[in-house]
Amino acid sequence: MPRTKRERRPGDDMTEKKLQGTVVELAQLTGWLCYHTYSSRRSEPGFPDLTLVRRDRVVFVELKTRTGRLRPAQIQWVEALRATAAEVYVWRPEHWFDGTIERCLR
């Protein structure tokens, strides 16, 4: 039986860099302070891509493409941060297109 091609979904070809730019733009427009380590070569491995702060909320975000996987150090950071009062998310392009990211940042 021949394999059928999977139907393309919005965001299938969205890079992590493009997703990050889109998230940061919305975050800034909605009043968040945004931090991203420009060059992580000398930083602790696995720390989330974005740290967002607004009023009484702190949000850590790891960004991945549709098929991107968390590395062990990223999993360790996500689990450690989730044990605190901070909000921690792993966002992918589908979270942009289904409105999840916008609902979180509004």
Protein backbone atom coordinates (compact mmCIF):
# COMPACT_ATOMS: atom_id res chain seq x y z
CA MET A 1 0.00 0.00 0.00
CA PRO A 2 1.54 3.38 -0.97
CA ARG A 3 2.26 5.89 1.75
CA THR A 4 0.07 8.94 1.71
CA LYS A 5 1.58 12.33 2.29
CA ARG A 6 0.64 14.04 5.51
CA GLU A 7 -1.42 17.14 4.93
CA ARG A 8 0.60 20.30 5.60
CA ARG A 9 -0.46 22.34 8.59
CA PRO A 10 0.09 26.04 9.32
CA GLY A 11 3.55 26.50 10.82
CA ASP A 12 5.07 23.31 9.45
CA ASP A 13 7.89 25.32 7.89
CA MET A 14 8.17 27.94 10.66
CA THR A 15 11.69 28.10 12.07
CA GLU A 16 12.42 28.54 15.76
CA LYS A 17 13.91 31.96 14.96
CA LYS A 18 10.73 33.08 13.17
CA LEU A 19 8.56 31.78 16.02
CA GLN A 20 10.74 33.60 18.53
CA GLY A 21 10.47 36.88 16.62
CA THR A 22 6.70 36.54 16.45
CA VAL A 23 6.36 35.73 20.17
CA VAL A 24 8.69 38.56 21.22
CA GLU A 25 6.82 41.06 19.04
CA LEU A 26 3.47 40.13 20.60
CA ALA A 27 4.94 40.07 24.10
CA GLN A 28 6.38 43.56 23.71
CA LEU A 29 3.13 44.88 22.21
CA THR A 30 1.24 43.56 25.25
CA GLY A 31 3.60 45.05 27.84
CA TRP A 32 5.99 42.20 28.67
CA LEU A 33 9.67 42.65 29.39
CA CYS A 34 11.46 40.09 27.21
CA TYR A 35 14.86 38.54 27.71
CA HIS A 36 16.67 36.21 25.33
CA THR A 37 20.31 35.18 25.71
CA TYR A 38 21.86 36.34 22.45
CA SER A 39 24.75 33.89 22.54
CA SER A 40 24.39 30.95 24.90
CA ARG A 41 27.87 29.53 24.35
CA ARG A 42 29.00 30.60 27.83
CA SER A 43 25.67 30.12 29.54
CA GLU A 44 24.20 27.20 31.41
CA PRO A 45 23.02 24.65 28.81
CA GLY A 46 19.31 24.10 28.47
CA PHE A 47 18.03 27.38 29.95
CA PRO A 48 14.76 28.39 28.22
CA ASP A 49 14.85 30.62 25.15
CA LEU A 50 12.73 33.43 26.58
CA THR A 51 12.10 34.92 29.99
CA LEU A 52 9.05 37.19 30.06
CA VAL A 53 7.98 39.41 32.96
CA ARG A 54 4.84 41.51 33.36
CA ARG A 55 3.44 42.73 36.66
CA ASP A 56 3.19 39.69 38.94
CA ARG A 57 3.90 37.05 36.26
CA VAL A 58 7.15 35.41 35.21
CA VAL A 59 7.02 33.15 32.17
CA PHE A 60 9.82 30.92 30.87
CA VAL A 61 9.42 29.68 27.31
CA GLU A 62 11.32 27.04 25.39
CA LEU A 63 10.61 27.34 21.66
CA LYS A 64 10.70 24.41 19.28
CA THR A 65 9.80 23.73 15.67
CA ARG A 66 6.94 21.34 15.02
CA THR A 67 9.33 18.37 15.15
CA GLY A 68 11.97 19.78 17.51
CA ARG A 69 12.81 17.76 20.61
CA LEU A 70 13.88 18.90 24.04
CA ARG A 71 17.45 18.00 24.89
CA PRO A 72 18.16 16.46 28.33
CA ALA A 73 19.46 19.77 29.76
CA GLN A 74 16.32 21.54 28.51
CA ILE A 75 14.11 18.91 30.14
CA GLN A 76 16.00 19.38 33.41
CA TRP A 77 15.46 23.17 33.33
CA VAL A 78 11.78 22.87 32.38
CA GLU A 79 11.13 20.41 35.20
CA ALA A 80 13.04 22.49 37.77
CA LEU A 81 11.25 25.70 36.80
CA ARG A 82 7.84 24.00 36.81
CA ALA A 83 8.48 23.13 40.47
CA THR A 84 8.40 26.88 41.24
CA ALA A 85 5.57 29.42 41.04
CA ALA A 86 6.70 30.51 37.56
CA GLU A 87 4.80 29.64 34.41
CA VAL A 88 6.80 27.39 32.07
CA TYR A 89 5.85 26.52 28.51
CA VAL A 90 7.23 24.70 25.50
CA TRP A 91 5.72 26.45 22.51
CA ARG A 92 5.67 25.27 18.92
CA PRO A 93 4.29 26.93 15.77
CA GLU A 94 0.91 25.23 16.24
CA HIS A 95 0.56 27.10 19.55
CA TRP A 96 0.83 30.35 17.62
CA PHE A 97 -1.72 29.33 15.01
CA ASP A 98 -4.26 27.89 17.48
CA GLY A 99 -4.15 31.01 19.70
CA THR A 100 -2.51 29.41 22.75
CA ILE A 101 0.37 31.89 22.84
CA GLU A 102 -1.83 34.94 22.39
CA ARG A 103 -4.18 33.81 25.17
CA CYS A 104 -1.22 33.37 27.50
CA LEU A 105 0.28 36.78 26.77
CA ARG A 106 -2.90 38.89 26.76
